[in-house]
PDB file of N, CA and C in Angstrom:
ATOM      1  N   MET A   1       0.819  -1.191   0.000  1.00  0.00           N
ATOM      2  CA  MET A   1       0.000   0.000   0.000  1.00  0.00           C
ATOM      3  C   MET A   1       0.864   1.256   0.000  1.00  0.00           C
ATOM      4  N   PHE A   2       1.944   1.315   0.765  1.00  0.00           N
ATOM      5  CA  PHE A   2       2.770   2.509   0.868  1.00  0.00           C
ATOM      6  C   PHE A   2       3.937   2.420  -0.116  1.00  0.00           C
ATOM      7  N   VAL A   3       3.637   2.706  -1.368  1.00  0.00           N
ATOM      8  CA  VAL A   3       4.618   2.535  -2.441  1.00  0.00           C
ATOM      9  C   VAL A   3       5.335   3.831  -2.805  1.00  0.00           C
ATOM     10  N   ARG A   4       4.862   4.938  -2.266  1.00  0.00           N
ATOM     11  CA  ARG A   4       5.493   6.228  -2.543  1.00  0.00           C
ATOM     12  C   ARG A   4       6.120   6.757  -1.265  1.00  0.00           C
ATOM     13  N   ARG A   5       7.167   7.528  -1.439  1.00  0.00           N
ATOM     14  CA  ARG A   5       7.884   8.082  -0.297  1.00  0.00           C
ATOM     15  C   ARG A   5       8.031   9.589  -0.513  1.00  0.00           C
ATOM     16  N   PHE A   6       7.660  10.359   0.503  1.00  0.00           N
ATOM     17  CA  PHE A   6       7.723  11.815   0.436  1.00  0.00           C
ATOM     18  C   PHE A   6       8.714  12.365   1.454  1.00  0.00           C
ATOM     19  N   SER A   7       9.429  13.381   1.048  1.00  0.00           N
ATOM     20  CA  SER A   7      10.278  14.142   1.947  1.00  0.00           C
ATOM     21  C   SER A   7       9.433  15.294   2.489  1.00  0.00           C
ATOM     22  N   VAL A   8       9.452  15.477   3.806  1.00  0.00           N
ATOM     23  CA  VAL A   8       8.689  16.552   4.449  1.00  0.00           C
ATOM     24  C   VAL A   8       9.689  17.417   5.217  1.00  0.00           C
ATOM     25  N   GLN A   9       9.914  18.623   4.692  1.00  0.00           N
ATOM     26  CA  GLN A   9      10.935  19.515   5.237  1.00  0.00           C
ATOM     27  C   GLN A   9      10.326  20.850   5.646  1.00  0.00           C
ATOM     28  N   ARG A  10      10.812  21.380   6.754  1.00  0.00           N
ATOM     29  CA  ARG A  10      10.475  22.743   7.159  1.00  0.00           C
ATOM     30  C   ARG A  10      11.568  23.634   6.589  1.00  0.00           C
ATOM     31  N   VAL A  11      11.174  24.662   5.858  1.00  0.00           N
ATOM     32  CA  VAL A  11      12.132  25.598   5.266  1.00  0.00           C
ATOM     33  C   VAL A  11      12.053  26.889   6.062  1.00  0.00           C
ATOM     34  N   ASP A  12      13.164  27.260   6.709  1.00  0.00           N
ATOM     35  CA  ASP A  12      13.145  28.464   7.535  1.00  0.00           C
ATOM     36  C   ASP A  12      13.339  29.716   6.681  1.00  0.00           C
ATOM     37  N   SER A  13      13.317  30.870   7.328  1.00  0.00           N
ATOM     38  CA  SER A  13      13.367  32.142   6.597  1.00  0.00           C
ATOM     39  C   SER A  13      14.674  32.355   5.848  1.00  0.00           C
ATOM     40  N   SER A  14      15.734  31.642   6.232  1.00  0.00           N
ATOM     41  CA  SER A  14      17.004  31.762   5.506  1.00  0.00           C
ATOM     42  C   SER A  14      17.102  30.782   4.336  1.00  0.00           C
ATOM     43  N   GLY A  15      16.087  29.906   4.204  1.00  0.00           N
ATOM     44  CA  GLY A  15      16.085  28.924   3.125  1.00  0.00           C
ATOM     45  C   GLY A  15      16.648  27.571   3.524  1.00  0.00           C
ATOM     46  N   ALA A  16      17.117  27.454   4.763  1.00  0.00           N
ATOM     47  CA  ALA A  16      17.651  26.171   5.240  1.00  0.00           C
ATOM     48  C   ALA A  16      16.505  25.178   5.436  1.00  0.00           C
ATOM     49  N   ARG A  17      16.756  23.930   5.053  1.00  0.00           N
ATOM     50  CA  ARG A  17      15.752  22.874   5.168  1.00  0.00           C
ATOM     51  C   ARG A  17      16.051  21.992   6.377  1.00  0.00           C
ATOM     52  N   HIS A  18      14.978  21.626   7.088  1.00  0.00           N
ATOM     53  CA  HIS A  18      15.093  20.785   8.272  1.00  0.00           C
ATOM     54  C   HIS A  18      14.026  19.694   8.186  1.00  0.00           C
ATOM     55  N   PRO A  19      14.386  18.432   8.370  1.00  0.00           N
ATOM     56  CA  PRO A  19      13.379  17.368   8.353  1.00  0.00           C
ATOM     57  C   PRO A  19      12.359  17.584   9.463  1.00  0.00           C
ATOM     58  N   CYS A  20      11.090  17.454   9.145  1.00  0.00           N
ATOM     59  CA  CYS A  20      10.053  17.571  10.169  1.00  0.00           C
ATOM     60  C   CYS A  20      10.115  16.344  11.078  1.00  0.00           C
ATOM     61  N   PRO A  21      10.014  16.546  12.378  1.00  0.00           N
ATOM     62  CA  PRO A  21      10.037  15.411  13.302  1.00  0.00           C
ATOM     63  C   PRO A  21       8.871  14.453  13.036  1.00  0.00           C
ATOM     64  N   ILE A  22       9.143  13.179  13.215  1.00  0.00           N
ATOM     65  CA  ILE A  22       8.125  12.157  12.962  1.00  0.00           C
ATOM     66  C   ILE A  22       6.866  12.398  13.800  1.00  0.00           C
ATOM     67  N   GLN A  23       7.014  12.941  15.003  1.00  0.00           N
ATOM     68  CA  GLN A  23       5.853  13.202  15.844  1.00  0.00           C
ATOM     69  C   GLN A  23       4.903  14.213  15.198  1.00  0.00           C
ATOM     70  N   GLN A  24       5.455  15.211  14.511  1.00  0.00           N
ATOM     71  CA  GLN A  24       4.626  16.203  13.839  1.00  0.00           C
ATOM     72  C   GLN A  24       3.944  15.594  12.617  1.00  0.00           C
ATOM     73  N   ILE A  25       4.675  14.795  11.868  1.00  0.00           N
ATOM     74  CA  ILE A  25       4.089  14.122  10.697  1.00  0.00           C
ATOM     75  C   ILE A  25       2.993  13.163  11.160  1.00  0.00           C
ATOM     76  N   ASP A  26       3.241  12.456  12.251  1.00  0.00           N
ATOM     77  CA  ASP A  26       2.264  11.513  12.798  1.00  0.00           C
ATOM     78  C   ASP A  26       0.987  12.224  13.242  1.00  0.00           C
ATOM     79  N   SER A  27       1.108  13.406  13.825  1.00  0.00           N
ATOM     80  CA  SER A  27      -0.093  14.114  14.274  1.00  0.00           C
ATOM     81  C   SER A  27      -0.978  14.487  13.091  1.00  0.00           C
ATOM     82  N   PHE A  28      -0.366  14.764  11.946  1.00  0.00           N
ATOM     83  CA  PHE A  28      -1.158  15.033  10.737  1.00  0.00           C
ATOM     84  C   PHE A  28      -1.802  13.756  10.206  1.00  0.00           C
ATOM     85  N   ALA A  29      -1.058  12.662  10.234  1.00  0.00           N
ATOM     86  CA  ALA A  29      -1.497  11.421   9.598  1.00  0.00           C
ATOM     87  C   ALA A  29      -2.660  10.736  10.325  1.00  0.00           C
ATOM     88  N   MET A  30      -2.922  11.125  11.559  1.00  0.00           N
ATOM     89  CA  MET A  30      -4.012  10.496  12.305  1.00  0.00           C
ATOM     90  C   MET A  30      -5.347  11.046  11.815  1.00  0.00           C
ATOM     91  N   ARG A  31      -6.197  10.218  11.261  1.00  0.00           N
ATOM     92  CA  ARG A  31      -7.436  10.673  10.640  1.00  0.00           C
ATOM     93  C   ARG A  31      -8.370  11.368  11.614  1.00  0.00           C
ATOM     94  N   ASN A  32      -8.358  10.980  12.855  1.00  0.00           N
ATOM     95  CA  ASN A  32      -9.296  11.619  13.771  1.00  0.00           C
ATOM     96  C   ASN A  32      -8.984  13.107  13.946  1.00  0.00           C
ATOM     97  N   PHE A  33      -7.798  13.565  13.522  1.00  0.00           N
ATOM     98  CA  PHE A  33      -7.483  14.989  13.555  1.00  0.00           C
ATOM     99  C   PHE A  33      -7.773  15.655  12.210  1.00  0.00           C
ATOM    100  N   THR A  34      -7.415  15.015  11.094  1.00  0.00           N
ATOM    101  CA  THR A  34      -7.608  15.641   9.779  1.00  0.00           C
ATOM    102  C   THR A  34      -8.997  15.372   9.219  1.00  0.00           C
ATOM    103  N   ASN A  35      -9.581  14.231   9.546  1.00  0.00           N
ATOM    104  CA  ASN A  35     -10.904  13.828   9.075  1.00  0.00           C
ATOM    105  C   ASN A  35     -10.988  13.790   7.545  1.00  0.00           C
ATOM    106  N   GLU A  36      -9.894  13.448   6.883  1.00  0.00           N
ATOM    107  CA  GLU A  36      -9.850  13.362   5.428  1.00  0.00           C
ATOM    108  C   GLU A  36      -9.488  11.932   5.041  1.00  0.00           C
ATOM    109  N   ALA A  37     -10.414  11.218   4.447  1.00  0.00           N
ATOM    110  CA  ALA A  37     -10.201   9.811   4.099  1.00  0.00           C
ATOM    111  C   ALA A  37      -9.056   9.616   3.112  1.00  0.00           C
ATOM    112  N   VAL A  38      -8.804  10.588   2.256  1.00  0.00           N
ATOM    113  CA  VAL A  38      -7.746  10.445   1.250  1.00  0.00           C
ATOM    114  C   VAL A  38      -6.375  10.276   1.906  1.00  0.00           C
ATOM    115  N   PHE A  39      -6.226  10.768   3.142  1.00  0.00           N
ATOM    116  CA  PHE A  39      -4.942  10.669   3.824  1.00  0.00           C
ATOM    117  C   PHE A  39      -4.824   9.416   4.686  1.00  0.00           C
ATOM    118  N   ASP A  40      -5.799   8.511   4.614  1.00  0.00           N
ATOM    119  CA  ASP A  40      -5.707   7.241   5.333  1.00  0.00           C
ATOM    120  C   ASP A  40      -4.529   6.415   4.834  1.00  0.00           C
ATOM    121  N   ASP A  41      -4.163   6.601   3.576  1.00  0.00           N
ATOM    122  CA  ASP A  41      -3.068   5.835   2.972  1.00  0.00           C
ATOM    123  C   ASP A  41      -1.721   6.526   3.188  1.00  0.00           C
ATOM    124  N   THR A  42      -1.489   7.031   4.392  1.00  0.00           N
ATOM    125  CA  THR A  42      -0.205   7.641   4.716  1.00  0.00           C
ATOM    126  C   THR A  42       0.372   6.972   5.960  1.00  0.00           C
ATOM    127  N   PHE A  43       1.690   6.973   6.020  1.00  0.00           N
ATOM    128  CA  PHE A  43       2.380   6.360   7.149  1.00  0.00           C
ATOM    129  C   PHE A  43       3.653   7.151   7.450  1.00  0.00           C
ATOM    130  N   PRO A  44       3.764   7.759   8.635  1.00  0.00           N
ATOM    131  CA  PRO A  44       4.993   8.446   9.001  1.00  0.00           C
ATOM    132  C   PRO A  44       6.091   7.419   9.239  1.00  0.00           C
ATOM    133  N   ALA A  45       7.161   7.482   8.456  1.00  0.00           N
ATOM    134  CA  ALA A  45       8.198   6.448   8.515  1.00  0.00           C
ATOM    135  C   ALA A  45       9.422   6.866   9.329  1.00  0.00           C
ATOM    136  N   ALA A  46       9.752   8.153   9.321  1.00  0.00           N
ATOM    137  CA  ALA A  46      10.935   8.641  10.036  1.00  0.00           C
ATOM    138  C   ALA A  46      10.879  10.168  10.039  1.00  0.00           C
ATOM    139  N   ASP A  47      11.826  10.801  10.714  1.00  0.00           N
ATOM    140  CA  ASP A  47      11.902  12.257  10.639  1.00  0.00           C
ATOM    141  C   ASP A  47      12.041  12.658   9.174  1.00  0.00           C
ATOM    142  N   GLY A  48      11.148  13.522   8.707  1.00  0.00           N
ATOM    143  CA  GLY A  48      11.213  14.023   7.345  1.00  0.00           C
ATOM    144  C   GLY A  48      10.745  13.064   6.275  1.00  0.00           C
ATOM    145  N   VAL A  49      10.140  11.922   6.662  1.00  0.00           N
ATOM    146  CA  VAL A  49       9.724  10.920   5.670  1.00  0.00           C
ATOM    147  C   VAL A  49       8.285  10.481   5.932  1.00  0.00           C
ATOM    148  N   LEU A  50       7.474  10.558   4.879  1.00  0.00           N
ATOM    149  CA  LEU A  50       6.091  10.091   4.911  1.00  0.00           C
ATOM    150  C   LEU A  50       5.899   9.131   3.748  1.00  0.00           C
ATOM    151  N   GLU A  51       5.412   7.945   4.026  1.00  0.00           N
ATOM    152  CA  GLU A  51       5.100   6.992   2.968  1.00  0.00           C
ATOM    153  C   GLU A  51       3.611   7.084   2.679  1.00  0.00           C
ATOM    154  N   ALA A  52       3.236   6.818   1.415  1.00  0.00           N
ATOM    155  CA  ALA A  52       1.840   6.971   1.014  1.00  0.00           C
ATOM    156  C   ALA A  52       1.503   6.041  -0.142  1.00  0.00           C
ATOM    157  N   GLY A  53       0.196   5.819  -0.302  1.00  0.00           N
ATOM    158  CA  GLY A  53      -0.300   5.038  -1.423  1.00  0.00           C
ATOM    159  C   GLY A  53      -0.476   5.911  -2.660  1.00  0.00           C
ATOM    160  N   HIS A  54      -0.864   5.270  -3.752  1.00  0.00           N
ATOM    161  CA  HIS A  54      -1.011   5.984  -5.034  1.00  0.00           C
ATOM    162  C   HIS A  54      -2.132   7.008  -5.048  1.00  0.00           C
ATOM    163  N   ARG A  55      -3.162   6.829  -4.237  1.00  0.00           N
ATOM    164  CA  ARG A  55      -4.313   7.733  -4.319  1.00  0.00           C
ATOM    165  C   ARG A  55      -4.125   9.058  -3.580  1.00  0.00           C
ATOM    166  N   VAL A  56      -2.990   9.259  -2.927  1.00  0.00           N
ATOM    167  CA  VAL A  56      -2.727  10.497  -2.197  1.00  0.00           C
ATOM    168  C   VAL A  56      -2.147  11.541  -3.151  1.00  0.00           C
ATOM    169  N   PRO A  57      -2.888  12.622  -3.440  1.00  0.00           N
ATOM    170  CA  PRO A  57      -2.391  13.658  -4.353  1.00  0.00           C
ATOM    171  C   PRO A  57      -1.399  14.580  -3.643  1.00  0.00           C
ATOM    172  N   VAL A  58      -0.207  14.729  -4.205  1.00  0.00           N
ATOM    173  CA  VAL A  58       0.862  15.484  -3.549  1.00  0.00           C
ATOM    174  C   VAL A  58       0.478  16.948  -3.325  1.00  0.00           C
ATOM    175  N   ASP A  59      -0.226  17.575  -4.257  1.00  0.00           N
ATOM    176  CA  ASP A  59      -0.590  18.988  -4.076  1.00  0.00           C
ATOM    177  C   ASP A  59      -1.554  19.160  -2.910  1.00  0.00           C
ATOM    178  N   ARG A  60      -2.513  18.286  -2.804  1.00  0.00           N
ATOM    179  CA  ARG A  60      -3.474  18.348  -1.697  1.00  0.00           C
ATOM    180  C   ARG A  60      -2.811  17.980  -0.368  1.00  0.00           C
ATOM    181  N   LEU A  61      -1.911  17.011  -0.417  1.00  0.00           N
ATOM    182  CA  LEU A  61      -1.166  16.618   0.769  1.00  0.00           C
ATOM    183  C   LEU A  61      -0.347  17.803   1.285  1.00  0.00           C
ATOM    184  N   HIS A  62       0.362  18.467   0.387  1.00  0.00           N
ATOM    185  CA  HIS A  62       1.181  19.620   0.776  1.00  0.00           C
ATOM    186  C   HIS A  62       0.326  20.709   1.417  1.00  0.00           C
ATOM    187  N   ALA A  63      -0.762  21.082   0.767  1.00  0.00           N
ATOM    188  CA  ALA A  63      -1.623  22.155   1.277  1.00  0.00           C
ATOM    189  C   ALA A  63      -2.209  21.793   2.641  1.00  0.00           C
ATOM    190  N   ALA A  64      -2.683  20.564   2.786  1.00  0.00           N
ATOM    191  CA  ALA A  64      -3.292  20.136   4.045  1.00  0.00           C
ATOM    192  C   ALA A  64      -2.254  20.058   5.164  1.00  0.00           C
ATOM    193  N   MET A  65      -1.068  19.549   4.847  1.00  0.00           N
ATOM    194  CA  MET A  65      -0.023  19.450   5.873  1.00  0.00           C
ATOM    195  C   MET A  65       0.448  20.836   6.302  1.00  0.00           C
ATOM    196  N   GLU A  66       0.644  21.731   5.343  1.00  0.00           N
ATOM    197  CA  GLU A  66       1.098  23.073   5.703  1.00  0.00           C
ATOM    198  C   GLU A  66       0.064  23.781   6.566  1.00  0.00           C
ATOM    199  N   ASP A  67      -1.202  23.656   6.212  1.00  0.00           N
ATOM    200  CA  ASP A  67      -2.274  24.256   7.010  1.00  0.00           C
ATOM    201  C   ASP A  67      -2.276  23.668   8.423  1.00  0.00           C
ATOM    202  N   TRP A  68      -2.189  22.348   8.524  1.00  0.00           N
ATOM    203  CA  TRP A  68      -2.198  21.669   9.822  1.00  0.00           C
ATOM    204  C   TRP A  68      -0.990  22.097  10.663  1.00  0.00           C
ATOM    205  N   PHE A  69       0.189  22.138  10.047  1.00  0.00           N
ATOM    206  CA  PHE A  69       1.403  22.504  10.772  1.00  0.00           C
ATOM    207  C   PHE A  69       1.327  23.950  11.273  1.00  0.00           C
ATOM    208  N   ARG A  70       0.727  24.833  10.493  1.00  0.00           N
ATOM    209  CA  ARG A  70       0.567  26.225  10.942  1.00  0.00           C
ATOM    210  C   ARG A  70      -0.404  26.302  12.117  1.00  0.00           C
ATOM    211  N   ARG A  71      -1.525  25.601  12.015  1.00  0.00           N
ATOM    212  CA  ARG A  71      -2.514  25.632  13.102  1.00  0.00           C
ATOM    213  C   ARG A  71      -1.960  25.042  14.393  1.00  0.00           C
ATOM    214  N   LYS A  72      -1.088  24.059  14.283  1.00  0.00           N
ATOM    215  CA  LYS A  72      -0.493  23.423  15.470  1.00  0.00           C
ATOM    216  C   LYS A  72       0.720  24.190  15.997  1.00  0.00           C
ATOM    217  N   GLY A  73       1.197  25.190  15.243  1.00  0.00           N
ATOM    218  CA  GLY A  73       2.343  25.967  15.673  1.00  0.00           C
ATOM    219  C   GLY A  73       3.684  25.338  15.316  1.00  0.00           C
ATOM    220  N   TYR A  74       3.668  24.313  14.448  1.00  0.00           N
ATOM    221  CA  TYR A  74       4.913  23.669  14.018  1.00  0.00           C
ATOM    222  C   TYR A  74       5.679  24.554  13.036  1.00  0.00           C
ATOM    223  N   LEU A  75       4.963  25.399  12.292  1.00  0.00           N
ATOM    224  CA  LEU A  75       5.587  26.350  11.361  1.00  0.00           C
ATOM    225  C   LEU A  75       5.397  27.754  11.917  1.00  0.00           C
ATOM    226  N   LYS A  76       6.469  28.491  11.983  1.00  0.00           N
ATOM    227  CA  LYS A  76       6.433  29.869  12.474  1.00  0.00           C
ATOM    228  C   LYS A  76       6.314  30.830  11.284  1.00  0.00           C
ATOM    229  N   ALA A  77       6.074  32.102  11.599  1.00  0.00           N
ATOM    230  CA  ALA A  77       6.014  33.130  10.558  1.00  0.00           C
ATOM    231  C   ALA A  77       7.326  33.124   9.777  1.00  0.00           C
ATOM    232  N   GLY A  78       7.238  33.193   8.463  1.00  0.00           N
ATOM    233  CA  GLY A  78       8.419  33.199   7.609  1.00  0.00           C
ATOM    234  C   GLY A  78       8.905  31.815   7.227  1.00  0.00           C
ATOM    235  N   GLU A  79       8.309  30.781   7.792  1.00  0.00           N
ATOM    236  CA  GLU A  79       8.679  29.407   7.446  1.00  0.00           C
ATOM    237  C   GLU A  79       7.632  28.835   6.497  1.00  0.00           C
ATOM    238  N   ARG A  80       8.034  27.808   5.769  1.00  0.00           N
ATOM    239  CA  ARG A  80       7.096  27.113   4.892  1.00  0.00           C
ATOM    240  C   ARG A  80       7.409  25.622   4.928  1.00  0.00           C
ATOM    241  N   LEU A  81       6.492  24.857   4.423  1.00  0.00           N
ATOM    242  CA  LEU A  81       6.659  23.415   4.372  1.00  0.00           C
ATOM    243  C   LEU A  81       6.944  22.999   2.942  1.00  0.00           C
ATOM    244  N   GLU A  82       7.844  22.069   2.788  1.00  0.00           N
ATOM    245  CA  GLU A  82       8.151  21.526   1.464  1.00  0.00           C
ATOM    246  C   GLU A  82       7.873  20.021   1.497  1.00  0.00           C
ATOM    247  N   VAL A  83       6.975  19.587   0.633  1.00  0.00           N
ATOM    248  CA  VAL A  83       6.639  18.168   0.513  1.00  0.00           C
ATOM    249  C   VAL A  83       6.962  17.760  -0.915  1.00  0.00           C
ATOM    250  N   ALA A  84       7.865  16.801  -1.056  1.00  0.00           N
ATOM    251  CA  ALA A  84       8.293  16.370  -2.388  1.00  0.00           C
ATOM    252  C   ALA A  84       8.403  14.857  -2.435  1.00  0.00           C
ATOM    253  N   GLU A  85       7.915  14.292  -3.530  1.00  0.00           N
ATOM    254  CA  GLU A  85       8.026  12.842  -3.701  1.00  0.00           C
ATOM    255  C   GLU A  85       9.464  12.484  -4.000  1.00  0.00           C
ATOM    256  N   GLN A  86       9.975  11.500  -3.299  1.00  0.00           N
ATOM    257  CA  GLN A  86      11.330  11.013  -3.526  1.00  0.00           C
ATOM    258  C   GLN A  86      11.296   9.996  -4.668  1.00  0.00           C
ATOM    259  N   ARG A  87      12.223  10.092  -5.560  1.00  0.00           N
ATOM    260  CA  ARG A  87      12.258   9.176  -6.706  1.00  0.00           C
ATOM    261  C   ARG A  87      13.408   8.226  -6.576  1.00  0.00           C
TER     262      ARG A  87
END
């Protein structure tokens, strides 16, 4: 089921990239918090790594994760989230 692998990085105001801690990725991946069935096919694998199935759209995943991370205070002003599929 988890055939795709995504890099999840916090980009600070200087442009430096930092792997998001697995605990933060896990808090997003729990459906009872996001309530989005499309993200059921996700699995936090390590710091900065999220595994997912084919039906998870990367653009929607990025937008939802960035919104969630901002609401939880994981991203500060001037920071952004970068989600990219690893090839």
